[in-house]
Amino acid sequence: AVGAAVGMKFAPTLQAKIASSSLPASVVTFMNHPAGPFTIFFWAPTTKWLLSASNIVDVDRPVDKISTSQQLALASTGIIWSRYSFVITPVNYNLFVVNFVLALTSLFHLSRKITASQEVLATAA
């Protein structure tokens, strides 16, 4: 509770100092954006990049180790939140991009799983 109280005082003070600093205008604009780093609208999608990165790293993972239900869930959330990122205020481009990449990488893994299943069926026939 004490840490949260300190953080609640520190963030607005830091934000005010950045606004009145001699930093480039683009940095100040980014820092003070309604979806900037002083809001949850920045940090939630930023941490979601770890899921997308995990899918990218798993590109060479054996198909039998890929979870169909997990990839379906990730693809679904990626598609839904990609759309939602343009409906909410402020429009959050970081949220859109992370979810778009998440949907693409999940759909890629699902396509690998489906292709492998079809090959197994063709071999068995």
Protein backbone atom coordinates (compact mmCIF):
# COMPACT_ATOMS: atom_id res chain seq x y z
CA ALA A 1 0.00 0.00 0.00
CA VAL A 2 2.86 2.37 0.79
CA GLY A 3 4.54 1.61 -2.55
CA ALA A 4 1.32 2.36 -4.42
CA ALA A 5 0.95 5.67 -2.60
CA VAL A 6 4.52 6.63 -3.48
CA GLY A 7 3.94 5.63 -7.11
CA MET A 8 0.75 7.67 -7.26
CA LYS A 9 2.71 10.78 -6.23
CA PHE A 10 5.78 10.02 -8.31
CA ALA A 11 4.11 9.44 -11.69
CA PRO A 12 2.29 12.81 -11.95
CA THR A 13 5.42 14.62 -10.75
CA LEU A 14 7.54 12.87 -13.38
CA GLN A 15 4.93 13.51 -16.05
CA ALA A 16 4.85 17.24 -15.21
CA LYS A 17 8.66 17.43 -15.35
CA ILE A 18 8.70 15.71 -18.74
CA ALA A 19 6.04 18.09 -20.06
CA SER A 20 8.11 21.12 -19.07
CA SER A 21 11.46 19.64 -20.11
CA SER A 22 13.58 20.39 -23.14
CA LEU A 23 13.05 16.92 -24.60
CA PRO A 24 12.07 16.72 -28.29
CA ALA A 25 8.42 17.48 -28.91
CA SER A 26 7.78 13.97 -30.22
CA VAL A 27 9.00 12.44 -26.93
CA VAL A 28 6.87 14.80 -24.85
CA THR A 29 3.83 14.08 -27.05
CA PHE A 30 4.38 10.33 -26.71
CA MET A 31 4.84 10.51 -22.94
CA ASN A 32 1.70 12.62 -22.46
CA HIS A 33 -0.49 10.70 -24.90
CA PRO A 34 -3.75 9.32 -23.42
CA ALA A 35 -2.39 5.83 -24.24
CA GLY A 36 1.17 6.70 -23.22
CA PRO A 37 3.47 5.10 -20.65
CA PHE A 38 1.77 6.79 -17.70
CA THR A 39 -1.41 4.78 -18.35
CA ILE A 40 -2.51 1.15 -18.27
CA PHE A 41 -3.39 1.56 -21.95
CA PHE A 42 0.33 1.43 -22.69
CA TRP A 43 1.50 -1.28 -20.28
CA ALA A 44 -1.18 -3.91 -20.88
CA PRO A 45 -0.43 -4.33 -24.62
CA THR A 46 3.28 -3.90 -24.02
CA THR A 47 3.35 -6.92 -21.71
CA LYS A 48 1.12 -8.83 -24.15
CA TRP A 49 4.01 -8.68 -26.60
CA LEU A 50 5.50 -11.53 -24.56
CA LEU A 51 2.73 -13.84 -25.84
CA SER A 52 3.41 -12.80 -29.44
CA ALA A 53 7.15 -13.23 -28.92
CA SER A 54 6.58 -16.68 -27.48
CA ASN A 55 4.62 -17.68 -30.59
CA ILE A 56 7.37 -16.31 -32.83
CA VAL A 57 10.06 -18.22 -30.91
CA ASP A 58 7.98 -21.41 -31.25
CA VAL A 59 8.12 -21.34 -35.06
CA ASP A 60 10.31 -24.46 -35.12
CA ARG A 61 8.46 -26.24 -32.30
CA PRO A 62 7.35 -29.76 -33.21
CA VAL A 63 3.72 -29.80 -34.31
CA ASP A 64 2.77 -32.44 -31.74
CA LYS A 65 3.81 -30.01 -28.98
CA ILE A 66 1.45 -27.27 -30.21
CA SER A 67 -1.77 -26.92 -28.22
CA THR A 68 -4.75 -26.46 -30.53
CA SER A 69 -6.96 -25.02 -27.78
CA GLN A 70 -4.26 -22.57 -26.68
CA GLN A 71 -3.64 -21.35 -30.23
CA LEU A 72 -7.40 -21.05 -30.86
CA ALA A 73 -7.74 -18.95 -27.72
CA LEU A 74 -4.78 -16.73 -28.66
CA ALA A 75 -6.01 -16.30 -32.24
CA SER A 76 -9.51 -15.43 -31.00
CA THR A 77 -8.30 -12.88 -28.50
CA GLY A 78 -5.99 -11.40 -31.12
CA ILE A 79 -8.81 -10.97 -33.65
CA ILE A 80 -11.32 -9.61 -31.12
CA TRP A 81 -8.94 -7.13 -29.49
CA SER A 82 -7.53 -5.99 -32.85
CA ARG A 83 -11.00 -4.77 -33.71
CA TYR A 84 -11.69 -3.41 -30.23
CA SER A 85 -8.48 -1.33 -30.24
CA PHE A 86 -10.10 1.00 -32.79
CA VAL A 87 -13.43 1.22 -30.97
CA ILE A 88 -12.10 2.36 -27.59
CA THR A 89 -11.00 5.87 -26.70
CA PRO A 90 -8.16 6.61 -26.98
CA VAL A 91 -7.45 4.59 -30.12
CA ASN A 92 -4.57 2.36 -29.12
CA TYR A 93 -2.26 1.41 -31.99
CA ASN A 94 0.06 -0.60 -29.72
CA LEU A 95 -2.95 -2.71 -28.71
CA PHE A 96 -3.88 -3.21 -32.36
CA VAL A 97 -0.42 -4.24 -33.53
CA VAL A 98 0.25 -6.66 -30.67
CA ASN A 99 -3.10 -8.38 -31.16
CA PHE A 100 -2.76 -8.47 -34.94
CA VAL A 101 0.66 -10.15 -34.60
CA LEU A 102 -0.74 -12.50 -31.96
CA ALA A 103 -3.60 -13.51 -34.27
CA LEU A 104 -1.24 -14.03 -37.22
CA THR A 105 1.26 -16.13 -35.30
CA SER A 106 -1.50 -18.21 -33.68
CA LEU A 107 -3.20 -18.80 -37.02
CA PHE A 108 0.18 -19.81 -38.45
CA HIS A 109 0.61 -22.44 -35.72
CA LEU A 110 -2.95 -23.66 -36.23
CA SER A 111 -2.32 -24.02 -39.96
CA ARG A 112 0.82 -26.06 -39.19
CA LYS A 113 -1.23 -28.30 -36.89
CA ILE A 114 -4.01 -28.78 -39.48
CA THR A 115 -1.50 -29.51 -42.27
CA ALA A 116 0.27 -32.10 -40.11
CA SER A 117 -3.06 -33.75 -39.22
CA GLN A 118 -4.02 -33.96 -42.91
CA GLU A 119 -0.64 -35.51 -43.76
CA VAL A 120 -1.12 -38.15 -41.06
CA LEU A 121 -4.61 -38.95 -42.40
CA ALA A 122 -3.32 -39.14 -45.98
CA THR A 123 -0.51 -41.47 -44.93
CA ALA A 124 -2.93 -43.72 -43.03
CA ALA A 125 -5.28 -44.02 -46.02
